[in-house]
Amino acid sequence: MYDWRDMPMNMFEGGLVRLRGVEPGDWEVFHAWDADSDAQRAGWRVFPPQGSEAAREWAKEAAAKRADGDEFRLVIETLEGVPVGMLNTHSTDPVHRHFAYGITVGRAYWGRGYAIEALRLLFRYMFRERGYHKANAWVYSGNDRSIQMHEKLGMQREGRIRENHFADGRFEDEIWLGMTASEFAALYE
């Protein structure tokens, strides 16, 4: 069992990864990940290829952007400083105290526990520092790896929105998952 009392002083750092802001130099990593159409499709949708200048500009703008309330984007990197993925918060609702997020990990880093630890770090911050009560996510029904990762993390399936996502010439269901702050605390604190 992972004991958060053994965490380093930086609450955004765990035993495998740390979360940090986007840096302008990250553009090359993101640009390479964008070439993986299957991974893009699993995350949200496939975008047309962009040139290196557009990727540089995106990273520069993302690096300069401040958090919009509790909505922000962070790079997931190993403790050796290798970027392995990214996550973002969205659909934050401070009145009803729930938030949603998106997460992506480069294909070369799948199956190493990086996504689960990154989400543990994010949830700990959002629940304990920002006072949110619930984390929500939706995963497309064809993305079995992500569904399994979320369930391993401890999230519960809460529903299915039928044929709500179009990708690769067909409609897929969205699987809705959630975890409350008390469920998180029971598992990880």
N, C-alpha and C. Protein backbone atom coordinates (compact mmCIF):
# COMPACT_ATOMS: atom_id res chain seq x y z
N MET A 1 0.85 -1.19 0.00
CA MET A 1 0.00 0.00 0.00
C MET A 1 0.89 1.24 0.00
N TYR A 2 0.53 2.20 -0.80
CA TYR A 2 1.27 3.45 -0.92
C TYR A 2 0.92 4.34 0.25
N ASP A 3 1.87 4.75 1.05
CA ASP A 3 1.62 5.58 2.22
C ASP A 3 2.01 7.02 1.89
N TRP A 4 1.03 7.90 1.84
CA TRP A 4 1.29 9.29 1.47
C TRP A 4 2.11 10.03 2.51
N ARG A 5 2.18 9.51 3.75
CA ARG A 5 3.02 10.16 4.76
C ARG A 5 4.50 10.03 4.41
N ASP A 6 4.83 9.08 3.54
CA ASP A 6 6.22 8.91 3.12
C ASP A 6 6.57 9.72 1.89
N MET A 7 5.63 10.56 1.44
CA MET A 7 5.88 11.36 0.23
C MET A 7 6.95 12.41 0.48
N PRO A 8 7.67 12.78 -0.55
CA PRO A 8 8.61 13.89 -0.43
C PRO A 8 7.85 15.19 -0.13
N MET A 9 8.55 16.22 0.18
CA MET A 9 7.93 17.50 0.53
C MET A 9 7.10 18.08 -0.62
N ASN A 10 7.45 17.79 -1.85
CA ASN A 10 6.70 18.28 -3.00
C ASN A 10 5.48 17.39 -3.20
N MET A 11 4.28 17.94 -2.94
CA MET A 11 3.06 17.13 -3.05
C MET A 11 2.79 16.68 -4.48
N PHE A 12 3.49 17.23 -5.45
CA PHE A 12 3.31 16.86 -6.84
C PHE A 12 4.35 15.83 -7.30
N GLU A 13 5.02 15.20 -6.34
CA GLU A 13 6.02 14.19 -6.66
C GLU A 13 5.73 12.92 -5.89
N GLY A 14 5.77 11.79 -6.59
CA GLY A 14 5.56 10.49 -5.96
C GLY A 14 6.80 9.64 -6.08
N GLY A 15 6.61 8.34 -6.04
CA GLY A 15 7.73 7.40 -6.13
C GLY A 15 8.18 7.14 -7.55
N LEU A 16 7.30 7.44 -8.54
CA LEU A 16 7.61 7.19 -9.95
C LEU A 16 7.67 8.45 -10.79
N VAL A 17 6.74 9.37 -10.53
CA VAL A 17 6.61 10.56 -11.38
C VAL A 17 6.42 11.82 -10.55
N ARG A 18 6.60 12.93 -11.23
CA ARG A 18 6.23 14.23 -10.68
C ARG A 18 5.36 14.94 -11.71
N LEU A 19 4.54 15.84 -11.24
CA LEU A 19 3.73 16.69 -12.11
C LEU A 19 4.36 18.07 -12.13
N ARG A 20 4.45 18.64 -13.31
CA ARG A 20 5.04 19.98 -13.44
C ARG A 20 4.34 20.72 -14.56
N GLY A 21 4.60 22.01 -14.63
CA GLY A 21 4.04 22.82 -15.70
C GLY A 21 4.69 22.49 -17.04
N VAL A 22 4.00 22.88 -18.10
CA VAL A 22 4.53 22.72 -19.46
C VAL A 22 5.68 23.70 -19.65
N GLU A 23 6.73 23.25 -20.30
CA GLU A 23 7.87 24.10 -20.65
C GLU A 23 7.93 24.22 -22.17
N PRO A 24 8.42 25.36 -22.69
CA PRO A 24 8.51 25.51 -24.15
C PRO A 24 9.27 24.38 -24.83
N GLY A 25 10.30 23.84 -24.18
CA GLY A 25 11.10 22.78 -24.77
C GLY A 25 10.39 21.43 -24.87
N ASP A 26 9.19 21.33 -24.27
CA ASP A 26 8.43 20.08 -24.34
C ASP A 26 7.82 19.85 -25.73
N TRP A 27 7.90 20.81 -26.60
CA TRP A 27 7.21 20.73 -27.89
C TRP A 27 7.59 19.47 -28.68
N GLU A 28 8.86 19.07 -28.63
CA GLU A 28 9.29 17.92 -29.43
C GLU A 28 8.61 16.63 -28.98
N VAL A 29 8.46 16.47 -27.67
CA VAL A 29 7.82 15.26 -27.13
C VAL A 29 6.36 15.24 -27.55
N PHE A 30 5.65 16.35 -27.36
CA PHE A 30 4.24 16.42 -27.72
C PHE A 30 4.03 16.24 -29.22
N HIS A 31 4.93 16.81 -29.99
CA HIS A 31 4.85 16.69 -31.45
C HIS A 31 4.98 15.22 -31.87
N ALA A 32 5.90 14.51 -31.25
CA ALA A 32 6.07 13.08 -31.57
C ALA A 32 4.84 12.29 -31.15
N TRP A 33 4.26 12.58 -29.99
CA TRP A 33 3.05 11.86 -29.55
C TRP A 33 1.88 12.12 -30.49
N ASP A 34 1.81 13.33 -31.03
CA ASP A 34 0.71 13.66 -31.95
C ASP A 34 0.72 12.80 -33.21
N ALA A 35 1.84 12.20 -33.53
CA ALA A 35 1.93 11.34 -34.72
C ALA A 35 1.28 9.97 -34.49
N ASP A 36 0.91 9.65 -33.25
CA ASP A 36 0.30 8.37 -32.91
C ASP A 36 -1.22 8.52 -32.98
N SER A 37 -1.78 8.32 -34.16
CA SER A 37 -3.21 8.54 -34.39
C SER A 37 -4.08 7.64 -33.52
N ASP A 38 -3.67 6.39 -33.32
CA ASP A 38 -4.47 5.49 -32.49
C ASP A 38 -4.55 5.98 -31.05
N ALA A 39 -3.45 6.46 -30.51
CA ALA A 39 -3.45 6.99 -29.14
C ALA A 39 -4.29 8.27 -29.07
N GLN A 40 -4.20 9.12 -30.09
CA GLN A 40 -5.04 10.33 -30.12
C GLN A 40 -6.51 9.95 -30.10
N ARG A 41 -6.87 8.99 -30.91
CA ARG A 41 -8.27 8.56 -31.03
C ARG A 41 -8.80 8.05 -29.69
N ALA A 42 -7.97 7.30 -28.97
CA ALA A 42 -8.37 6.76 -27.67
C ALA A 42 -8.59 7.87 -26.65
N GLY A 43 -7.83 8.96 -26.80
CA GLY A 43 -7.93 10.05 -25.85
C GLY A 43 -9.09 10.99 -26.11
N TRP A 44 -9.29 11.36 -27.34
CA TRP A 44 -10.42 12.23 -27.66
C TRP A 44 -10.72 12.15 -29.14
N ARG A 45 -9.80 12.68 -29.97
CA ARG A 45 -10.01 12.64 -31.41
C ARG A 45 -8.68 12.83 -32.13
N VAL A 46 -8.67 12.46 -33.38
CA VAL A 46 -7.46 12.57 -34.20
C VAL A 46 -7.44 13.96 -34.82
N PHE A 47 -6.31 14.63 -34.68
CA PHE A 47 -6.13 15.95 -35.28
C PHE A 47 -5.23 15.82 -36.50
N PRO A 48 -5.38 16.70 -37.48
CA PRO A 48 -4.46 16.67 -38.63
C PRO A 48 -3.03 16.96 -38.18
N PRO A 49 -2.04 16.44 -38.88
CA PRO A 49 -0.65 16.72 -38.51
C PRO A 49 -0.39 18.23 -38.53
N GLN A 50 0.46 18.65 -37.61
CA GLN A 50 0.88 20.05 -37.61
C GLN A 50 2.39 20.10 -37.74
N GLY A 51 2.87 21.20 -38.19
CA GLY A 51 4.31 21.38 -38.35
C GLY A 51 5.00 21.66 -37.03
N SER A 52 6.30 21.62 -37.07
CA SER A 52 7.08 21.82 -35.86
C SER A 52 6.90 23.24 -35.30
N GLU A 53 6.73 24.23 -36.16
CA GLU A 53 6.52 25.60 -35.68
C GLU A 53 5.22 25.72 -34.90
N ALA A 54 4.16 25.06 -35.38
CA ALA A 54 2.89 25.07 -34.66
C ALA A 54 3.04 24.37 -33.31
N ALA A 55 3.79 23.27 -33.27
CA ALA A 55 4.02 22.56 -32.01
C ALA A 55 4.83 23.43 -31.04
N ARG A 56 5.83 24.13 -31.57
CA ARG A 56 6.62 25.04 -30.73
C ARG A 56 5.72 26.13 -30.15
N GLU A 57 4.89 26.70 -31.00
CA GLU A 57 3.99 27.79 -30.57
C GLU A 57 3.02 27.30 -29.50
N TRP A 58 2.45 26.09 -29.71
CA TRP A 58 1.52 25.54 -28.71
C TRP A 58 2.21 25.38 -27.36
N ALA A 59 3.41 24.80 -27.34
CA ALA A 59 4.14 24.58 -26.09
C ALA A 59 4.49 25.92 -25.44
N LYS A 60 4.87 26.88 -26.24
CA LYS A 60 5.21 28.22 -25.70
C LYS A 60 3.99 28.84 -25.04
N GLU A 61 2.84 28.77 -25.71
CA GLU A 61 1.60 29.33 -25.15
C GLU A 61 1.17 28.56 -23.91
N ALA A 62 1.26 27.24 -23.94
CA ALA A 62 0.87 26.42 -22.79
C ALA A 62 1.78 26.70 -21.59
N ALA A 63 3.06 26.92 -21.86
CA ALA A 63 4.01 27.20 -20.78
C ALA A 63 3.73 28.55 -20.13
N ALA A 64 3.24 29.50 -20.90
CA ALA A 64 2.98 30.84 -20.37
C ALA A 64 1.59 30.96 -19.73
N LYS A 65 0.72 30.01 -19.98
CA LYS A 65 -0.66 30.10 -19.48
C LYS A 65 -0.73 29.77 -17.99
N ARG A 66 -1.41 30.61 -17.26
CA ARG A 66 -1.63 30.37 -15.84
C ARG A 66 -2.89 29.53 -15.67
N ALA A 67 -3.01 28.88 -14.53
CA ALA A 67 -4.22 28.11 -14.23
C ALA A 67 -5.42 29.03 -14.28
N ASP A 68 -6.52 28.52 -14.81
CA ASP A 68 -7.78 29.25 -14.86
C ASP A 68 -8.63 28.70 -13.72
N GLY A 69 -8.51 29.31 -12.55
CA GLY A 69 -9.14 28.75 -11.37
C GLY A 69 -8.50 27.41 -11.06
N ASP A 70 -9.31 26.37 -11.05
CA ASP A 70 -8.78 25.03 -10.80
C ASP A 70 -8.64 24.23 -12.08
N GLU A 71 -8.63 24.91 -13.22
CA GLU A 71 -8.43 24.23 -14.50
C GLU A 71 -7.02 24.52 -14.98
N PHE A 72 -6.25 23.46 -15.18
CA PHE A 72 -4.85 23.60 -15.54
C PHE A 72 -4.38 22.35 -16.26
N ARG A 73 -3.19 22.45 -16.84
CA ARG A 73 -2.55 21.35 -17.58
C ARG A 73 -1.17 21.12 -16.96
N LEU A 74 -0.82 19.85 -16.75
CA LEU A 74 0.48 19.50 -16.18
C LEU A 74 1.13 18.38 -16.98
N VAL A 75 2.44 18.43 -17.04
CA VAL A 75 3.22 17.37 -17.66
C VAL A 75 3.49 16.31 -16.59
N ILE A 76 3.41 15.06 -17.00
CA ILE A 76 3.81 13.94 -16.15
C ILE A 76 5.22 13.57 -16.57
N GLU A 77 6.17 13.62 -15.65
CA GLU A 77 7.54 13.24 -15.99
C GLU A 77 8.08 12.27 -14.95
N THR A 78 9.03 11.44 -15.38
CA THR A 78 9.68 10.53 -14.43
C THR A 78 10.54 11.36 -13.49
N LEU A 79 10.99 10.74 -12.42
CA LEU A 79 11.86 11.45 -11.47
C LEU A 79 13.21 11.79 -12.10
N GLU A 80 13.52 11.13 -13.23
CA GLU A 80 14.74 11.45 -13.98
C GLU A 80 14.52 12.60 -14.96
N GLY A 81 13.30 13.13 -15.02
CA GLY A 81 13.02 14.28 -15.87
C GLY A 81 12.55 13.96 -17.28
N VAL A 82 12.12 12.73 -17.54
CA VAL A 82 11.66 12.34 -18.87
C VAL A 82 10.14 12.53 -18.94
N PRO A 83 9.65 13.42 -19.83
CA PRO A 83 8.20 13.58 -19.97
C PRO A 83 7.58 12.29 -20.52
N VAL A 84 6.54 11.80 -19.83
CA VAL A 84 5.88 10.57 -20.24
C VAL A 84 4.40 10.76 -20.54
N GLY A 85 3.86 11.91 -20.18
CA GLY A 85 2.44 12.14 -20.42
C GLY A 85 2.00 13.51 -19.98
N MET A 86 0.70 13.69 -19.99
CA MET A 86 0.13 14.98 -19.63
C MET A 86 -1.25 14.74 -19.04
N LEU A 87 -1.66 15.63 -18.14
CA LEU A 87 -3.03 15.59 -17.65
C LEU A 87 -3.55 17.02 -17.55
N ASN A 88 -4.86 17.13 -17.54
CA ASN A 88 -5.47 18.44 -17.37
C ASN A 88 -6.76 18.28 -16.58
N THR A 89 -7.11 19.32 -15.85
CA THR A 89 -8.40 19.35 -15.18
C THR A 89 -9.33 20.21 -16.01
N HIS A 90 -10.62 19.88 -15.96
CA HIS A 90 -11.64 20.66 -16.67
C HIS A 90 -12.98 20.40 -16.01
N SER A 91 -13.97 21.13 -16.43
CA SER A 91 -15.33 20.99 -15.89
C SER A 91 -15.33 21.07 -14.37
N THR A 92 -14.50 21.96 -13.84
CA THR A 92 -14.45 22.13 -12.39
C THR A 92 -15.71 22.86 -11.93
N ASP A 93 -16.27 22.42 -10.83
CA ASP A 93 -17.47 23.04 -10.28
C ASP A 93 -17.26 23.23 -8.78
N PRO A 94 -16.80 24.42 -8.37
CA PRO A 94 -16.52 24.64 -6.95
C PRO A 94 -17.78 24.70 -6.08
N VAL A 95 -18.95 24.88 -6.66
CA VAL A 95 -20.18 24.88 -5.87
C VAL A 95 -20.55 23.45 -5.49
N HIS A 96 -20.62 22.57 -6.50
CA HIS A 96 -20.98 21.17 -6.25
C HIS A 96 -19.75 20.32 -5.93
N ARG A 97 -18.57 20.94 -6.07
CA ARG A 97 -17.29 20.37 -5.66
C ARG A 97 -16.92 19.09 -6.40
N HIS A 98 -17.07 19.12 -7.72
CA HIS A 98 -16.57 18.01 -8.52
C HIS A 98 -15.76 18.56 -9.69
N PHE A 99 -14.90 17.72 -10.23
CA PHE A 99 -14.06 18.10 -11.36
C PHE A 99 -13.88 16.88 -12.26
N ALA A 100 -13.48 17.16 -13.48
CA ALA A 100 -13.15 16.11 -14.44
C ALA A 100 -11.70 16.33 -14.89
N TYR A 101 -11.17 15.37 -15.56
CA TYR A 101 -9.78 15.47 -16.01
C TYR A 101 -9.60 14.64 -17.27
N GLY A 102 -8.53 14.93 -17.95
CA GLY A 102 -8.08 14.11 -19.06
C GLY A 102 -6.63 13.72 -18.79
N ILE A 103 -6.25 12.57 -19.26
CA ILE A 103 -4.87 12.11 -19.06
C ILE A 103 -4.42 11.35 -20.30
N THR A 104 -3.17 11.55 -20.66
CA THR A 104 -2.58 10.79 -21.75
C THR A 104 -1.15 10.44 -21.38
N VAL A 105 -0.75 9.25 -21.76
CA VAL A 105 0.62 8.79 -21.55
C VAL A 105 1.12 8.29 -22.89
N GLY A 106 2.34 8.67 -23.25
CA GLY A 106 2.93 8.21 -24.51
C GLY A 106 3.00 6.69 -24.56
N ARG A 107 2.74 6.14 -25.72
CA ARG A 107 2.66 4.68 -25.90
C ARG A 107 3.88 3.94 -25.33
N ALA A 108 5.05 4.50 -25.47
CA ALA A 108 6.27 3.84 -24.99
C ALA A 108 6.27 3.68 -23.47
N TYR A 109 5.38 4.39 -22.77
CA TYR A 109 5.37 4.39 -21.30
C TYR A 109 4.12 3.72 -20.72
N TRP A 110 3.30 3.11 -21.55
CA TRP A 110 2.11 2.43 -21.06
C TRP A 110 2.49 1.26 -20.16
N GLY A 111 1.64 1.00 -19.19
CA GLY A 111 1.79 -0.18 -18.34
C GLY A 111 2.85 -0.09 -17.27
N ARG A 112 3.35 1.09 -16.99
CA ARG A 112 4.41 1.23 -15.98
C ARG A 112 3.91 1.85 -14.67
N GLY A 113 2.62 2.15 -14.59
CA GLY A 113 2.07 2.73 -13.37
C GLY A 113 2.13 4.25 -13.31
N TYR A 114 2.61 4.88 -14.38
CA TYR A 114 2.75 6.33 -14.37
C TYR A 114 1.40 7.05 -14.29
N ALA A 115 0.41 6.58 -15.04
CA ALA A 115 -0.90 7.25 -15.05
C ALA A 115 -1.56 7.13 -13.69
N ILE A 116 -1.53 5.97 -13.08
CA ILE A 116 -2.16 5.80 -11.77
C ILE A 116 -1.51 6.71 -10.74
N GLU A 117 -0.19 6.75 -10.72
CA GLU A 117 0.45 7.62 -9.74
C GLU A 117 0.17 9.09 -10.02
N ALA A 118 0.18 9.50 -11.29
CA ALA A 118 -0.13 10.88 -11.62
C ALA A 118 -1.53 11.26 -11.14
N LEU A 119 -2.48 10.35 -11.32
CA LEU A 119 -3.85 10.64 -10.87
C LEU A 119 -3.93 10.66 -9.35
N ARG A 120 -3.19 9.81 -8.67
CA ARG A 120 -3.17 9.88 -7.20
C ARG A 120 -2.67 11.24 -6.73
N LEU A 121 -1.62 11.73 -7.36
CA LEU A 121 -1.08 13.05 -7.00
C LEU A 121 -2.11 14.14 -7.28
N LEU A 122 -2.74 14.07 -8.44
CA LEU A 122 -3.75 15.06 -8.79
C LEU A 122 -4.92 15.01 -7.81
N PHE A 123 -5.44 13.82 -7.53
CA PHE A 123 -6.60 13.68 -6.64
C PHE A 123 -6.26 14.19 -5.25
N ARG A 124 -5.08 13.85 -4.77
CA ARG A 124 -4.69 14.32 -3.44
C ARG A 124 -4.73 15.85 -3.39
N TYR A 125 -4.21 16.49 -4.40
CA TYR A 125 -4.22 17.95 -4.45
C TYR A 125 -5.66 18.48 -4.53
N MET A 126 -6.44 17.95 -5.44
CA MET A 126 -7.79 18.47 -5.64
C MET A 126 -8.69 18.20 -4.43
N PHE A 127 -8.55 17.06 -3.79
CA PHE A 127 -9.39 16.72 -2.63
C PHE A 127 -8.91 17.43 -1.36
N ARG A 128 -7.63 17.35 -1.08
CA ARG A 128 -7.13 17.84 0.21
C ARG A 128 -6.75 19.30 0.22
N GLU A 129 -6.34 19.84 -0.92
CA GLU A 129 -5.92 21.24 -0.95
C GLU A 129 -6.99 22.17 -1.51
N ARG A 130 -7.75 21.65 -2.48
CA ARG A 130 -8.75 22.50 -3.14
C ARG A 130 -10.17 22.23 -2.66
N GLY A 131 -10.37 21.19 -1.87
CA GLY A 131 -11.66 20.94 -1.25
C GLY A 131 -12.72 20.29 -2.14
N TYR A 132 -12.30 19.68 -3.23
CA TYR A 132 -13.27 19.00 -4.09
C TYR A 132 -13.72 17.70 -3.43
N HIS A 133 -14.92 17.29 -3.78
CA HIS A 133 -15.52 16.09 -3.21
C HIS A 133 -15.45 14.89 -4.17
N LYS A 134 -15.41 15.17 -5.48
CA LYS A 134 -15.52 14.06 -6.43
C LYS A 134 -14.73 14.32 -7.71
N ALA A 135 -14.09 13.27 -8.19
CA ALA A 135 -13.41 13.28 -9.49
C ALA A 135 -14.24 12.47 -10.46
N ASN A 136 -14.41 13.00 -11.67
CA ASN A 136 -15.17 12.33 -12.72
C ASN A 136 -14.31 12.16 -13.96
N ALA A 137 -14.52 11.06 -14.65
CA ALA A 137 -13.83 10.82 -15.92
C ALA A 137 -14.75 10.05 -16.83
N TRP A 138 -14.52 10.19 -18.12
CA TRP A 138 -15.21 9.33 -19.07
C TRP A 138 -14.18 8.78 -20.03
N VAL A 139 -14.38 7.52 -20.36
CA VAL A 139 -13.46 6.79 -21.22
C VAL A 139 -14.29 6.16 -22.32
N TYR A 140 -13.80 6.15 -23.53
CA TYR A 140 -14.53 5.56 -24.64
C TYR A 140 -14.48 4.04 -24.53
N SER A 141 -15.58 3.41 -24.85
CA SER A 141 -15.75 1.98 -24.59
C SER A 141 -14.70 1.11 -25.29
N GLY A 142 -14.10 1.58 -26.35
CA GLY A 142 -13.07 0.81 -27.04
C GLY A 142 -11.70 0.91 -26.40
N ASN A 143 -11.55 1.74 -25.37
CA ASN A 143 -10.24 1.96 -24.73
C ASN A 143 -10.15 1.11 -23.46
N ASP A 144 -10.01 -0.20 -23.65
CA ASP A 144 -9.98 -1.14 -22.53
C ASP A 144 -8.83 -0.85 -21.56
N ARG A 145 -7.67 -0.46 -22.08
CA ARG A 145 -6.52 -0.18 -21.21
C ARG A 145 -6.84 0.93 -20.22
N SER A 146 -7.47 1.98 -20.70
CA SER A 146 -7.80 3.10 -19.82
C SER A 146 -8.87 2.72 -18.81
N ILE A 147 -9.87 1.98 -19.25
CA ILE A 147 -10.92 1.54 -18.33
C ILE A 147 -10.30 0.71 -17.21
N GLN A 148 -9.43 -0.23 -17.57
CA GLN A 148 -8.78 -1.08 -16.57
C GLN A 148 -7.90 -0.26 -15.62
N MET A 149 -7.17 0.72 -16.16
CA MET A 149 -6.32 1.56 -15.32
C MET A 149 -7.17 2.33 -14.31
N HIS A 150 -8.29 2.91 -14.77
CA HIS A 150 -9.14 3.67 -13.87
C HIS A 150 -9.75 2.78 -12.78
N GLU A 151 -10.14 1.59 -13.14
CA GLU A 151 -10.70 0.67 -12.14
C GLU A 151 -9.62 0.20 -11.17
N LYS A 152 -8.41 -0.01 -11.65
CA LYS A 152 -7.30 -0.37 -10.76
C LYS A 152 -7.01 0.77 -9.79
N LEU A 153 -7.14 1.99 -10.24
CA LEU A 153 -6.97 3.17 -9.38
C LEU A 153 -8.02 3.18 -8.27
N GLY A 154 -9.18 2.60 -8.54
CA GLY A 154 -10.25 2.56 -7.54
C GLY A 154 -11.49 3.31 -7.95
N MET A 155 -11.52 3.80 -9.17
CA MET A 155 -12.71 4.51 -9.63
C MET A 155 -13.84 3.51 -9.89
N GLN A 156 -15.06 3.97 -9.72
CA GLN A 156 -16.24 3.14 -9.90
C GLN A 156 -16.93 3.50 -11.22
N ARG A 157 -17.41 2.51 -11.92
CA ARG A 157 -18.23 2.77 -13.10
C ARG A 157 -19.57 3.32 -12.62
N GLU A 158 -19.97 4.42 -13.23
CA GLU A 158 -21.20 5.07 -12.80
C GLU A 158 -22.25 5.13 -13.89
N GLY A 159 -21.84 4.88 -15.11
CA GLY A 159 -22.83 4.92 -16.17
C GLY A 159 -22.22 4.73 -17.54
N ARG A 160 -23.10 4.66 -18.50
CA ARG A 160 -22.71 4.47 -19.90
C ARG A 160 -23.60 5.37 -20.73
N ILE A 161 -22.98 6.21 -21.54
CA ILE A 161 -23.70 7.05 -22.48
C ILE A 161 -23.55 6.35 -23.84
N ARG A 162 -24.65 5.89 -24.37
CA ARG A 162 -24.60 5.07 -25.58
C ARG A 162 -24.28 5.90 -26.83
N GLU A 163 -23.40 5.34 -27.66
CA GLU A 163 -23.06 5.86 -28.99
C GLU A 163 -22.90 7.38 -28.99
N ASN A 164 -22.06 7.88 -28.09
CA ASN A 164 -21.89 9.32 -27.91
C ASN A 164 -20.57 9.85 -28.44
N HIS A 165 -19.72 8.97 -28.97
CA HIS A 165 -18.40 9.37 -29.43
C HIS A 165 -18.14 8.72 -30.79
N PHE A 166 -17.81 9.55 -31.78
CA PHE A 166 -17.55 9.03 -33.12
C PHE A 166 -16.05 8.98 -33.36
N ALA A 167 -15.53 7.81 -33.72
CA ALA A 167 -14.12 7.64 -34.02
C ALA A 167 -13.94 6.42 -34.91
N ASP A 168 -13.02 6.53 -35.84
CA ASP A 168 -12.66 5.42 -36.71
C ASP A 168 -13.88 4.84 -37.43
N GLY A 169 -14.79 5.71 -37.85
CA GLY A 169 -15.94 5.31 -38.65
C GLY A 169 -17.09 4.67 -37.89
N ARG A 170 -17.06 4.74 -36.56
CA ARG A 170 -18.16 4.14 -35.80
C ARG A 170 -18.42 4.95 -34.52
N PHE A 171 -19.59 4.73 -33.95
CA PHE A 171 -19.94 5.36 -32.69
C PHE A 171 -19.59 4.42 -31.54
N GLU A 172 -19.03 4.99 -30.49
CA GLU A 172 -18.69 4.23 -29.29
C GLU A 172 -19.46 4.80 -28.11
N ASP A 173 -19.65 3.96 -27.11
CA ASP A 173 -20.23 4.42 -25.86
C ASP A 173 -19.16 5.14 -25.04
N GLU A 174 -19.61 6.00 -24.14
CA GLU A 174 -18.73 6.60 -23.15
C GLU A 174 -19.00 5.92 -21.82
N ILE A 175 -17.96 5.50 -21.16
CA ILE A 175 -18.06 4.90 -19.84
C ILE A 175 -17.72 5.99 -18.84
N TRP A 176 -18.64 6.27 -17.93
CA TRP A 176 -18.43 7.29 -16.91
C TRP A 176 -17.95 6.63 -15.63
N LEU A 177 -16.90 7.23 -15.05
CA LEU A 177 -16.31 6.70 -13.83
C LEU A 177 -16.17 7.84 -12.82
N GLY A 178 -16.16 7.48 -11.54
CA GLY A 178 -16.02 8.50 -10.51
C GLY A 178 -15.38 7.96 -9.25
N MET A 179 -14.85 8.88 -8.46
CA MET A 179 -14.29 8.56 -7.15
C MET A 179 -14.52 9.76 -6.23
N THR A 180 -15.00 9.49 -5.03
CA THR A 180 -15.19 10.56 -4.05
C THR A 180 -13.92 10.73 -3.22
N ALA A 181 -13.85 11.85 -2.52
CA ALA A 181 -12.70 12.12 -1.66
C ALA A 181 -12.60 11.07 -0.56
N SER A 182 -13.74 10.63 -0.01
CA SER A 182 -13.67 9.63 1.07
C SER A 182 -13.24 8.27 0.51
N GLU A 183 -13.64 7.93 -0.70
CA GLU A 183 -13.16 6.68 -1.31
C GLU A 183 -11.66 6.73 -1.53
N PHE A 184 -11.18 7.88 -2.00
CA PHE A 184 -9.74 8.07 -2.20
C PHE A 184 -8.99 7.93 -0.88
N ALA A 185 -9.48 8.59 0.15
CA ALA A 185 -8.81 8.53 1.46
C ALA A 185 -8.78 7.10 1.99
N ALA A 186 -9.86 6.36 1.82
CA ALA A 186 -9.90 4.96 2.30
C ALA A 186 -8.87 4.10 1.58
N LEU A 187 -8.61 4.39 0.32
CA LEU A 187 -7.66 3.59 -0.44
C LEU A 187 -6.21 4.02 -0.26
N TYR A 188 -5.96 5.32 -0.11
CA TYR A 188 -4.59 5.82 -0.23
C TYR A 188 -4.06 6.61 0.98
N GLU A 189 -4.88 6.84 1.99
CA GLU A 189 -4.35 7.64 3.10
C GLU A 189 -4.48 6.90 4.41
